[in-house]
PDB file of N, CA and C in Angstrom:
ATOM      1  N   UNK A   1     -15.231 -15.861  37.749  1.00  0.00           N
ATOM      2  CA  UNK A   1     -16.425 -15.757  38.517  1.00  0.00           C
ATOM      3  C   UNK A   1     -14.882 -14.787  39.613  1.00  0.00           C
ATOM      4  N   UNK A   2     -15.505 -14.072  40.250  1.00  0.00           N
ATOM      5  CA  UNK A   2     -14.996 -12.812  41.195  1.00  0.00           C
ATOM      6  C   UNK A   2     -14.596 -13.596  42.830  1.00  0.00           C
ATOM      7  N   UNK A   3     -14.064 -13.543  42.882  1.00  0.00           N
ATOM      8  CA  UNK A   3     -13.917 -13.421  44.917  1.00  0.00           C
ATOM      9  C   UNK A   3     -13.975 -12.141  45.444  1.00  0.00           C
ATOM     10  N   UNK A   4     -14.615 -12.541  46.080  1.00  0.00           N
ATOM     11  CA  UNK A   4     -15.483 -11.396  46.870  1.00  0.00           C
ATOM     12  C   UNK A   4     -15.624 -11.542  48.521  1.00  0.00           C
ATOM     13  N   UNK A   5     -14.344 -10.910  49.148  1.00  0.00           N
ATOM     14  CA  UNK A   5     -14.314 -11.285  50.595  1.00  0.00           C
ATOM     15  C   UNK A   5     -14.658  -9.986  50.989  1.00  0.00           C
ATOM     16  N   UNK A   6     -15.541  -9.977  52.369  1.00  0.00           N
ATOM     17  CA  UNK A   6     -15.629  -9.215  53.909  1.00  0.00           C
ATOM     18  C   UNK A   6     -15.348  -9.777  54.959  1.00  0.00           C
ATOM     19  N   UNK A   7     -13.758  -8.577  55.808  1.00  0.00           N
ATOM     20  CA  UNK A   7     -13.002  -9.411  56.707  1.00  0.00           C
ATOM     21  C   UNK A   7     -14.488  -7.947  57.532  1.00  0.00           C
ATOM     22  N   UNK A   8     -14.447  -8.862  58.846  1.00  0.00           N
ATOM     23  CA  UNK A   8     -14.872  -7.964  60.094  1.00  0.00           C
ATOM     24  C   UNK A   8     -14.645  -8.366  61.172  1.00  0.00           C
ATOM     25  N   UNK A   9     -14.770  -7.930  62.196  1.00  0.00           N
ATOM     26  CA  UNK A   9     -14.675  -8.320  63.467  1.00  0.00           C
ATOM     27  C   UNK A   9     -16.210  -8.243  64.376  1.00  0.00           C
ATOM     28  N   UNK A  10     -16.485  -8.925  65.432  1.00  0.00           N
ATOM     29  CA  UNK A  10     -17.461  -8.577  65.698  1.00  0.00           C
ATOM     30  C   UNK A  10     -18.147  -8.049  66.600  1.00  0.00           C
ATOM     31  N   UNK A  11     -18.834  -7.432  65.891  1.00  0.00           N
ATOM     32  CA  UNK A  11     -19.640  -5.917  66.783  1.00  0.00           C
ATOM     33  C   UNK A  11     -19.431  -4.724  65.720  1.00  0.00           C
ATOM     34  N   UNK A  12     -18.534  -4.543  65.096  1.00  0.00           N
ATOM     35  CA  UNK A  12     -18.200  -3.698  64.135  1.00  0.00           C
ATOM     36  C   UNK A  12     -19.913  -2.854  63.853  1.00  0.00           C
ATOM     37  N   UNK A  13     -19.822  -1.917  63.907  1.00  0.00           N
ATOM     38  CA  UNK A  13     -21.351  -1.384  63.277  1.00  0.00           C
ATOM     39  C   UNK A  13     -21.425  -0.855  62.176  1.00  0.00           C
ATOM     40  N   UNK A  14     -20.160  -0.638  61.436  1.00  0.00           N
ATOM     41  CA  UNK A  14     -19.969  -0.464  59.877  1.00  0.00           C
ATOM     42  C   UNK A  14     -19.663  -1.924  58.986  1.00  0.00           C
ATOM     43  N   UNK A  15     -19.585  -3.017  59.469  1.00  0.00           N
ATOM     44  CA  UNK A  15     -19.461  -4.769  58.961  1.00  0.00           C
ATOM     45  C   UNK A  15     -21.035  -4.677  58.147  1.00  0.00           C
ATOM     46  N   UNK A  16     -22.607  -4.312  58.682  1.00  0.00           N
ATOM     47  CA  UNK A  16     -23.967  -5.011  58.226  1.00  0.00           C
ATOM     48  C   UNK A  16     -24.224  -4.351  56.963  1.00  0.00           C
ATOM     49  N   UNK A  17     -23.784  -2.451  56.819  1.00  0.00           N
ATOM     50  CA  UNK A  17     -24.083  -1.758  56.257  1.00  0.00           C
ATOM     51  C   UNK A  17     -23.347  -2.053  55.084  1.00  0.00           C
ATOM     52  N   UNK A  18     -22.155  -1.954  55.074  1.00  0.00           N
ATOM     53  CA  UNK A  18     -21.048  -2.526  54.025  1.00  0.00           C
ATOM     54  C   UNK A  18     -21.570  -3.710  53.778  1.00  0.00           C
ATOM     55  N   UNK A  19     -21.889  -4.920  54.245  1.00  0.00           N
ATOM     56  CA  UNK A  19     -22.117  -5.825  53.570  1.00  0.00           C
ATOM     57  C   UNK A  19     -23.437  -6.271  52.443  1.00  0.00           C
ATOM     58  N   UNK A  20     -24.519  -5.275  52.958  1.00  0.00           N
ATOM     59  CA  UNK A  20     -25.694  -4.523  51.944  1.00  0.00           C
ATOM     60  C   UNK A  20     -24.991  -3.629  50.871  1.00  0.00           C
ATOM     61  N   UNK A  21     -24.520  -3.105  51.452  1.00  0.00           N
ATOM     62  CA  UNK A  21     -23.953  -2.260  49.873  1.00  0.00           C
ATOM     63  C   UNK A  21     -23.019  -2.940  49.145  1.00  0.00           C
ATOM     64  N   UNK A  22     -22.192  -3.797  49.400  1.00  0.00           N
ATOM     65  CA  UNK A  22     -21.418  -4.311  48.794  1.00  0.00           C
ATOM     66  C   UNK A  22     -22.113  -5.470  47.320  1.00  0.00           C
ATOM     67  N   UNK A  23     -23.536  -5.896  48.753  1.00  0.00           N
ATOM     68  CA  UNK A  23     -24.084  -7.139  47.796  1.00  0.00           C
ATOM     69  C   UNK A  23     -24.781  -5.945  46.769  1.00  0.00           C
ATOM     70  N   UNK A  24     -25.710  -5.217  46.816  1.00  0.00           N
ATOM     71  CA  UNK A  24     -26.199  -4.060  45.740  1.00  0.00           C
ATOM     72  C   UNK A  24     -25.255  -3.861  44.605  1.00  0.00           C
ATOM     73  N   UNK A  25     -23.896  -3.737  44.889  1.00  0.00           N
ATOM     74  CA  UNK A  25     -23.105  -3.304  44.115  1.00  0.00           C
ATOM     75  C   UNK A  25     -22.769  -4.645  43.192  1.00  0.00           C
ATOM     76  N   UNK A  26     -22.639  -5.501  44.183  1.00  0.00           N
ATOM     77  CA  UNK A  26     -22.384  -6.639  43.052  1.00  0.00           C
ATOM     78  C   UNK A  26     -23.610  -7.215  42.626  1.00  0.00           C
ATOM     79  N   UNK A  27     -25.060  -7.509  42.831  1.00  0.00           N
ATOM     80  CA  UNK A  27     -26.006  -7.723  41.739  1.00  0.00           C
ATOM     81  C   UNK A  27     -25.934  -6.397  40.737  1.00  0.00           C
ATOM     82  N   UNK A  28     -25.427  -5.176  40.591  1.00  0.00           N
ATOM     83  CA  UNK A  28     -25.376  -4.632  39.678  1.00  0.00           C
ATOM     84  C   UNK A  28     -24.490  -4.479  38.552  1.00  0.00           C
ATOM     85  N   UNK A  29     -23.428  -4.826  38.872  1.00  0.00           N
ATOM     86  CA  UNK A  29     -22.592  -5.207  38.409  1.00  0.00           C
ATOM     87  C   UNK A  29     -21.488  -6.496  37.842  1.00  0.00           C
ATOM     88  N   UNK A  30     -22.186  -7.290  38.709  1.00  0.00           N
ATOM     89  CA  UNK A  30     -21.214  -8.849  38.185  1.00  0.00           C
ATOM     90  C   UNK A  30     -22.525  -9.819  38.142  1.00  0.00           C
ATOM     91  N   UNK A  31     -22.116 -11.494  37.427  1.00  0.00           N
ATOM     92  CA  UNK A  31     -23.361 -12.157  37.506  1.00  0.00           C
ATOM     93  C   UNK A  31     -24.024 -12.426  38.623  1.00  0.00           C
ATOM     94  N   UNK A  32     -25.066 -12.393  38.352  1.00  0.00           N
ATOM     95  CA  UNK A  32     -26.316 -12.906  39.597  1.00  0.00           C
ATOM     96  C   UNK A  32     -25.464 -14.084  40.817  1.00  0.00           C
ATOM     97  N   UNK A  33     -24.685 -15.100  40.322  1.00  0.00           N
ATOM     98  CA  UNK A  33     -24.284 -16.257  41.589  1.00  0.00           C
ATOM     99  C   UNK A  33     -23.043 -15.306  41.006  1.00  0.00           C
ATOM    100  N   UNK A  34     -22.760 -14.728  42.096  1.00  0.00           N
ATOM    101  CA  UNK A  34     -21.368 -13.906  42.330  1.00  0.00           C
ATOM    102  C   UNK A  34     -21.652 -14.104  44.108  1.00  0.00           C
ATOM    103  N   UNK A  35     -20.441 -14.905  44.793  1.00  0.00           N
ATOM    104  CA  UNK A  35     -21.192 -14.738  46.221  1.00  0.00           C
ATOM    105  C   UNK A  35     -20.001 -14.223  46.431  1.00  0.00           C
ATOM    106  N   UNK A  36     -20.691 -13.657  48.129  1.00  0.00           N
ATOM    107  CA  UNK A  36     -19.058 -13.065  49.045  1.00  0.00           C
ATOM    108  C   UNK A  36     -19.382 -13.563  50.647  1.00  0.00           C
ATOM    109  N   UNK A  37     -18.191 -13.719  50.352  1.00  0.00           N
ATOM    110  CA  UNK A  37     -17.667 -14.486  51.638  1.00  0.00           C
ATOM    111  C   UNK A  37     -17.903 -13.545  52.696  1.00  0.00           C
ATOM    112  N   UNK A  38     -18.375 -13.763  53.277  1.00  0.00           N
ATOM    113  CA  UNK A  38     -18.275 -13.195  55.262  1.00  0.00           C
ATOM    114  C   UNK A  38     -17.309 -13.817  56.158  1.00  0.00           C
ATOM    115  N   UNK A  39     -16.270 -13.131  56.404  1.00  0.00           N
ATOM    116  CA  UNK A  39     -15.002 -13.712  57.212  1.00  0.00           C
ATOM    117  C   UNK A  39     -14.853 -13.320  58.604  1.00  0.00           C
ATOM    118  N   UNK A  40     -15.291 -13.392  59.590  1.00  0.00           N
ATOM    119  CA  UNK A  40     -15.485 -12.905  61.176  1.00  0.00           C
ATOM    120  C   UNK A  40     -13.748 -12.887  61.569  1.00  0.00           C
ATOM    121  N   UNK A  41     -13.422 -11.964  61.852  1.00  0.00           N
ATOM    122  CA  UNK A  41     -11.117 -11.687  62.354  1.00  0.00           C
ATOM    123  C   UNK A  41     -11.321 -11.922  63.957  1.00  0.00           C
ATOM    124  N   UNK A  42     -11.212 -12.499  64.445  1.00  0.00           N
ATOM    125  CA  UNK A  42     -11.448 -13.106  66.043  1.00  0.00           C
ATOM    126  C   UNK A  42     -10.705 -13.048  66.933  1.00  0.00           C
ATOM    127  N   UNK A  43      -8.991 -12.689  66.207  1.00  0.00           N
ATOM    128  CA  UNK A  43      -8.226 -12.684  66.905  1.00  0.00           C
ATOM    129  C   UNK A  43      -7.260 -12.135  66.070  1.00  0.00           C
ATOM    130  N   UNK A  44      -5.986 -11.482  66.843  1.00  0.00           N
ATOM    131  CA  UNK A  44      -4.847 -10.573  66.810  1.00  0.00           C
ATOM    132  C   UNK A  44      -4.546 -11.485  65.467  1.00  0.00           C
ATOM    133  N   UNK A  45      -3.860 -13.482  65.755  1.00  0.00           N
ATOM    134  CA  UNK A  45      -3.206 -13.828  65.245  1.00  0.00           C
ATOM    135  C   UNK A  45      -3.949 -14.331  63.776  1.00  0.00           C
ATOM    136  N   UNK A  46      -5.548 -14.325  64.178  1.00  0.00           N
ATOM    137  CA  UNK A  46      -6.001 -14.438  62.135  1.00  0.00           C
ATOM    138  C   UNK A  46      -6.007 -12.868  61.554  1.00  0.00           C
ATOM    139  N   UNK A  47      -6.433 -11.433  62.478  1.00  0.00           N
ATOM    140  CA  UNK A  47      -5.691 -10.376  61.818  1.00  0.00           C
ATOM    141  C   UNK A  47      -4.490 -10.412  61.013  1.00  0.00           C
ATOM    142  N   UNK A  48      -3.593 -11.094  61.851  1.00  0.00           N
ATOM    143  CA  UNK A  48      -2.271 -10.843  60.897  1.00  0.00           C
ATOM    144  C   UNK A  48      -1.646 -11.935  60.070  1.00  0.00           C
ATOM    145  N   UNK A  49      -2.623 -12.902  60.249  1.00  0.00           N
ATOM    146  CA  UNK A  49      -2.220 -13.279  59.172  1.00  0.00           C
ATOM    147  C   UNK A  49      -3.312 -13.600  57.423  1.00  0.00           C
ATOM    148  N   UNK A  50      -4.355 -12.135  57.680  1.00  0.00           N
ATOM    149  CA  UNK A  50      -4.848 -11.867  56.603  1.00  0.00           C
ATOM    150  C   UNK A  50      -4.717 -10.853  56.185  1.00  0.00           C
ATOM    151  N   UNK A  51      -5.297  -9.966  54.985  1.00  0.00           N
ATOM    152  CA  UNK A  51      -4.718  -8.707  54.444  1.00  0.00           C
ATOM    153  C   UNK A  51      -5.528  -7.455  55.363  1.00  0.00           C
ATOM    154  N   UNK A  52      -5.705  -8.257  56.587  1.00  0.00           N
ATOM    155  CA  UNK A  52      -7.134  -7.449  57.468  1.00  0.00           C
ATOM    156  C   UNK A  52      -6.612  -5.454  57.374  1.00  0.00           C
ATOM    157  N   UNK A  53      -7.292  -4.589  57.190  1.00  0.00           N
ATOM    158  CA  UNK A  53      -6.415  -3.192  57.175  1.00  0.00           C
ATOM    159  C   UNK A  53      -7.785  -2.761  58.501  1.00  0.00           C
ATOM    160  N   UNK A  54      -8.687  -3.446  59.447  1.00  0.00           N
ATOM    161  CA  UNK A  54      -9.561  -2.567  60.587  1.00  0.00           C
ATOM    162  C   UNK A  54     -10.810  -3.432  59.677  1.00  0.00           C
ATOM    163  N   UNK A  55     -11.923  -2.837  60.262  1.00  0.00           N
ATOM    164  CA  UNK A  55     -13.093  -3.673  60.045  1.00  0.00           C
ATOM    165  C   UNK A  55     -14.076  -2.192  59.433  1.00  0.00           C
ATOM    166  N   UNK A  56     -14.598  -2.607  58.807  1.00  0.00           N
ATOM    167  CA  UNK A  56     -15.131  -3.697  57.587  1.00  0.00           C
ATOM    168  C   UNK A  56     -13.796  -3.872  56.450  1.00  0.00           C
ATOM    169  N   UNK A  57     -13.139  -4.644  55.999  1.00  0.00           N
ATOM    170  CA  UNK A  57     -12.243  -5.070  54.864  1.00  0.00           C
ATOM    171  C   UNK A  57     -12.376  -5.054  53.867  1.00  0.00           C
ATOM    172  N   UNK A  58     -12.853  -4.877  52.634  1.00  0.00           N
ATOM    173  CA  UNK A  58     -13.217  -5.554  51.099  1.00  0.00           C
ATOM    174  C   UNK A  58     -12.044  -6.088  50.511  1.00  0.00           C
ATOM    175  N   UNK A  59     -12.533  -7.397  49.699  1.00  0.00           N
ATOM    176  CA  UNK A  59     -11.351  -7.866  49.541  1.00  0.00           C
ATOM    177  C   UNK A  59     -12.156  -7.988  48.244  1.00  0.00           C
ATOM    178  N   UNK A  60     -11.095  -7.905  46.239  1.00  0.00           N
ATOM    179  CA  UNK A  60     -11.880  -8.794  45.167  1.00  0.00           C
ATOM    180  C   UNK A  60     -10.242  -9.108  44.870  1.00  0.00           C
ATOM    181  N   UNK A  61     -10.747 -10.519  44.780  1.00  0.00           N
ATOM    182  CA  UNK A  61      -9.466 -11.180  43.984  1.00  0.00           C
ATOM    183  C   UNK A  61      -8.297 -11.571  45.173  1.00  0.00           C
ATOM    184  N   UNK A  62      -8.516 -11.386  46.758  1.00  0.00           N
ATOM    185  CA  UNK A  62      -7.396 -11.246  47.277  1.00  0.00           C
ATOM    186  C   UNK A  62      -6.858  -9.733  48.181  1.00  0.00           C
ATOM    187  N   UNK A  63      -7.406  -9.016  46.750  1.00  0.00           N
ATOM    188  CA  UNK A  63      -6.612  -7.195  46.937  1.00  0.00           C
ATOM    189  C   UNK A  63      -7.459  -6.415  47.377  1.00  0.00           C
ATOM    190  N   UNK A  64      -7.072  -5.468  48.606  1.00  0.00           N
ATOM    191  CA  UNK A  64      -8.080  -4.664  49.382  1.00  0.00           C
ATOM    192  C   UNK A  64      -8.285  -3.788  48.705  1.00  0.00           C
ATOM    193  N   UNK A  65      -9.507  -2.996  48.745  1.00  0.00           N
ATOM    194  CA  UNK A  65     -10.050  -2.233  47.008  1.00  0.00           C
ATOM    195  C   UNK A  65     -10.118  -0.807  47.979  1.00  0.00           C
ATOM    196  N   UNK A  66      -9.618  -0.660  49.388  1.00  0.00           N
ATOM    197  CA  UNK A  66      -9.479   0.767  49.715  1.00  0.00           C
ATOM    198  C   UNK A  66      -8.229   0.578  51.071  1.00  0.00           C
ATOM    199  N   UNK A  67      -7.024   0.467  49.617  1.00  0.00           N
ATOM    200  CA  UNK A  67      -5.533   0.159  50.297  1.00  0.00           C
ATOM    201  C   UNK A  67      -5.454   1.338  51.162  1.00  0.00           C
ATOM    202  N   UNK A  68      -4.571   0.860  52.625  1.00  0.00           N
ATOM    203  CA  UNK A  68      -4.326   1.912  53.406  1.00  0.00           C
ATOM    204  C   UNK A  68      -2.808   1.736  53.758  1.00  0.00           C
ATOM    205  N   UNK A  69      -2.171   2.525  54.971  1.00  0.00           N
ATOM    206  CA  UNK A  69      -0.802   2.307  55.011  1.00  0.00           C
ATOM    207  C   UNK A  69      -0.518   1.100  55.257  1.00  0.00           C
ATOM    208  N   UNK A  70      -1.124  -0.079  55.959  1.00  0.00           N
ATOM    209  CA  UNK A  70      -0.850  -1.225  56.027  1.00  0.00           C
ATOM    210  C   UNK A  70      -2.142  -1.978  56.897  1.00  0.00           C
ATOM    211  N   UNK A  71      -1.680  -3.718  56.767  1.00  0.00           N
ATOM    212  CA  UNK A  71      -2.513  -4.319  57.882  1.00  0.00           C
ATOM    213  C   UNK A  71      -2.595  -3.884  59.073  1.00  0.00           C
ATOM    214  N   UNK A  72      -3.352  -4.423  59.345  1.00  0.00           N
ATOM    215  CA  UNK A  72      -3.733  -4.265  61.281  1.00  0.00           C
ATOM    216  C   UNK A  72      -3.691  -5.586  62.222  1.00  0.00           C
ATOM    217  N   UNK A  73      -3.404  -5.677  63.300  1.00  0.00           N
ATOM    218  CA  UNK A  73      -3.632  -6.645  63.892  1.00  0.00           C
ATOM    219  C   UNK A  73      -4.508  -6.463  64.764  1.00  0.00           C
ATOM    220  N   UNK A  74      -4.920  -5.202  65.257  1.00  0.00           N
ATOM    221  CA  UNK A  74      -5.748  -4.531  66.079  1.00  0.00           C
ATOM    222  C   UNK A  74      -7.765  -5.084  66.024  1.00  0.00           C
ATOM    223  N   UNK A  75      -7.990  -5.797  66.889  1.00  0.00           N
ATOM    224  CA  UNK A  75      -9.246  -6.110  66.466  1.00  0.00           C
ATOM    225  C   UNK A  75      -9.620  -4.591  66.547  1.00  0.00           C
ATOM    226  N   UNK A  76     -10.378  -3.913  65.983  1.00  0.00           N
ATOM    227  CA  UNK A  76     -11.025  -2.676  65.741  1.00  0.00           C
ATOM    228  C   UNK A  76     -11.614  -2.321  64.604  1.00  0.00           C
ATOM    229  N   UNK A  77     -12.540  -1.390  64.646  1.00  0.00           N
ATOM    230  CA  UNK A  77     -13.540  -0.744  63.187  1.00  0.00           C
ATOM    231  C   UNK A  77     -12.562   0.160  62.789  1.00  0.00           C
ATOM    232  N   UNK A  78     -12.746   0.393  61.076  1.00  0.00           N
ATOM    233  CA  UNK A  78     -12.448   1.267  60.460  1.00  0.00           C
ATOM    234  C   UNK A  78     -13.375   2.220  60.318  1.00  0.00           C
ATOM    235  N   UNK A  79     -13.040   3.241  59.645  1.00  0.00           N
ATOM    236  CA  UNK A  79     -13.629   4.541  59.480  1.00  0.00           C
ATOM    237  C   UNK A  79     -15.476   4.391  58.721  1.00  0.00           C
TER     238      UNK A  79
END
């Protein structure tokens, strides 16, 4: 089973819609019991210790699906 994780910050307006769309994609393409872990990034330290690239970040097997120029330590929303 794939490991899927959504990294996000509190109050990011993109996180809820991203989670919804991610769940739809998972339901269509993967077994129905595939969970999505939602992880709140609540500090610069937490961001620095994860592959966080802005909120929201989608990881599959620990790899960012939409790679950018690097990690983010700022608690900021992405596009």
